[in-house]
Amino acid sequence: MTALEEVIDPEIGVNIVDLGLVYGIEEKGNGEIVIEMTLTIPECPLIDQIVANVKTAAGSVEGVKQVEVKLVFEPKWSPARMSDEAREQIRSRQMNVT
């Protein structure tokens, strides 16, 4: 999970863990893991970039040899899944823009 904190949602500018996009990580054995996650919107135009970044970050963890990203859209993501830190980051950006 710590490695996935390095993956930033390019449209929002907050990491996918704090956004609440990662639903779970399953270790299958032999260095294989499955990451179950969602996106803020199912039709996200940057889906390929986000998935590639997740695979790279998770693959950098010692002992991980293969990463599968399973995208799910139930339960649907909502802002209620965000951490307080994510909310503060977004709030700060909005204040700097205005």
Protein backbone atom coordinates (compact mmCIF):
# COMPACT_ATOMS: atom_id res chain seq x y z
CA MET A 1 0.00 0.00 0.00
CA THR A 2 2.89 2.33 0.76
CA ALA A 3 4.27 1.93 -2.77
CA LEU A 4 0.86 2.81 -4.21
CA GLU A 5 0.93 6.13 -2.35
CA GLU A 6 3.44 7.18 -5.01
CA VAL A 7 0.80 6.82 -7.75
CA ILE A 8 -0.86 10.18 -8.33
CA ASP A 9 -4.20 10.56 -10.04
CA PRO A 10 -3.08 12.92 -12.84
CA GLU A 11 -6.38 14.80 -13.02
CA ILE A 12 -6.80 15.37 -9.29
CA GLY A 13 -3.16 15.49 -8.20
CA VAL A 14 -3.64 13.29 -5.12
CA ASN A 15 -2.36 9.75 -4.62
CA ILE A 16 -4.74 6.87 -5.29
CA VAL A 17 -4.54 5.51 -1.74
CA ASP A 18 -5.64 8.77 -0.12
CA LEU A 19 -8.35 9.12 -2.75
CA GLY A 20 -9.72 5.75 -1.66
CA LEU A 21 -9.34 4.17 -5.09
CA VAL A 22 -7.54 1.05 -3.81
CA TYR A 23 -10.08 -1.45 -2.49
CA GLY A 24 -7.67 -4.25 -1.68
CA ILE A 25 -4.44 -6.12 -2.36
CA GLU A 26 -4.37 -9.91 -2.51
CA GLU A 27 -1.16 -11.89 -2.40
CA LYS A 28 -1.51 -14.98 -4.59
CA GLY A 29 1.89 -16.46 -3.75
CA ASN A 30 5.08 -16.80 -5.80
CA GLY A 31 5.40 -13.02 -5.94
CA GLU A 32 2.05 -12.47 -7.64
CA ILE A 33 -0.36 -9.85 -6.33
CA VAL A 34 -3.78 -8.67 -7.44
CA ILE A 35 -4.74 -5.07 -6.76
CA GLU A 36 -8.45 -4.37 -6.77
CA MET A 37 -9.17 -0.73 -7.39
CA THR A 38 -11.52 1.71 -9.02
CA LEU A 39 -11.34 5.10 -10.67
CA THR A 40 -13.12 8.32 -9.83
CA ILE A 41 -15.14 7.88 -13.03
CA PRO A 42 -15.43 4.68 -15.12
CA GLU A 43 -14.72 6.53 -18.37
CA CYS A 44 -11.47 8.06 -17.09
CA PRO A 45 -9.38 9.02 -20.15
CA LEU A 46 -6.13 8.30 -18.28
CA ILE A 47 -6.99 4.73 -17.28
CA ASP A 48 -4.02 3.19 -19.12
CA GLN A 49 -1.56 5.60 -17.51
CA ILE A 50 -2.93 5.02 -14.01
CA VAL A 51 -2.90 1.21 -14.39
CA ALA A 52 0.67 1.30 -15.76
CA ASN A 53 1.78 3.49 -12.84
CA VAL A 54 0.12 1.11 -10.35
CA LYS A 55 1.89 -1.88 -11.90
CA THR A 56 5.23 -0.07 -11.84
CA ALA A 57 4.86 1.06 -8.22
CA ALA A 58 3.67 -2.33 -6.95
CA GLY A 59 6.31 -4.12 -9.01
CA SER A 60 9.03 -2.10 -7.28
CA VAL A 61 8.23 -3.78 -3.95
CA GLU A 62 10.75 -6.44 -3.00
CA GLY A 63 9.44 -9.92 -3.74
CA VAL A 64 6.71 -8.80 -6.13
CA LYS A 65 7.20 -10.43 -9.52
CA GLN A 66 3.81 -10.05 -11.18
CA VAL A 67 1.07 -7.46 -10.70
CA GLU A 68 -2.50 -7.74 -11.90
CA VAL A 69 -4.76 -4.71 -11.63
CA LYS A 70 -8.42 -5.58 -11.38
CA LEU A 71 -10.62 -2.56 -12.04
CA VAL A 72 -14.01 -2.69 -10.35
CA PHE A 73 -16.79 -0.15 -10.32
CA GLU A 74 -18.92 -1.60 -7.52
CA PRO A 75 -18.98 -0.20 -5.00
CA LYS A 76 -18.87 3.05 -6.89
CA TRP A 77 -16.22 5.52 -5.77
CA SER A 78 -17.40 8.64 -3.97
CA PRO A 79 -15.59 11.54 -2.30
CA ALA A 80 -16.55 9.99 1.06
CA ARG A 81 -13.78 7.40 0.45
CA MET A 82 -11.07 10.11 0.51
CA SER A 83 -8.79 10.54 3.51
CA ASP A 84 -8.74 13.82 5.39
CA GLU A 85 -5.30 14.46 3.92
CA ALA A 86 -6.67 14.14 0.38
CA ARG A 87 -9.48 16.55 1.17
CA GLU A 88 -6.98 19.06 2.53
CA GLN A 89 -4.73 18.74 -0.53
CA ILE A 90 -7.66 19.38 -2.86
CA ARG A 91 -8.93 22.25 -0.73
CA SER A 92 -5.46 23.85 -0.73
CA ARG A 93 -5.17 23.59 -4.52
CA GLN A 94 -8.59 25.14 -5.00
CA MET A 95 -7.68 28.05 -2.74
CA ASN A 96 -4.45 28.62 -4.68
CA VAL A 97 -6.29 28.66 -8.00
CA THR A 98 -8.86 31.24 -6.99
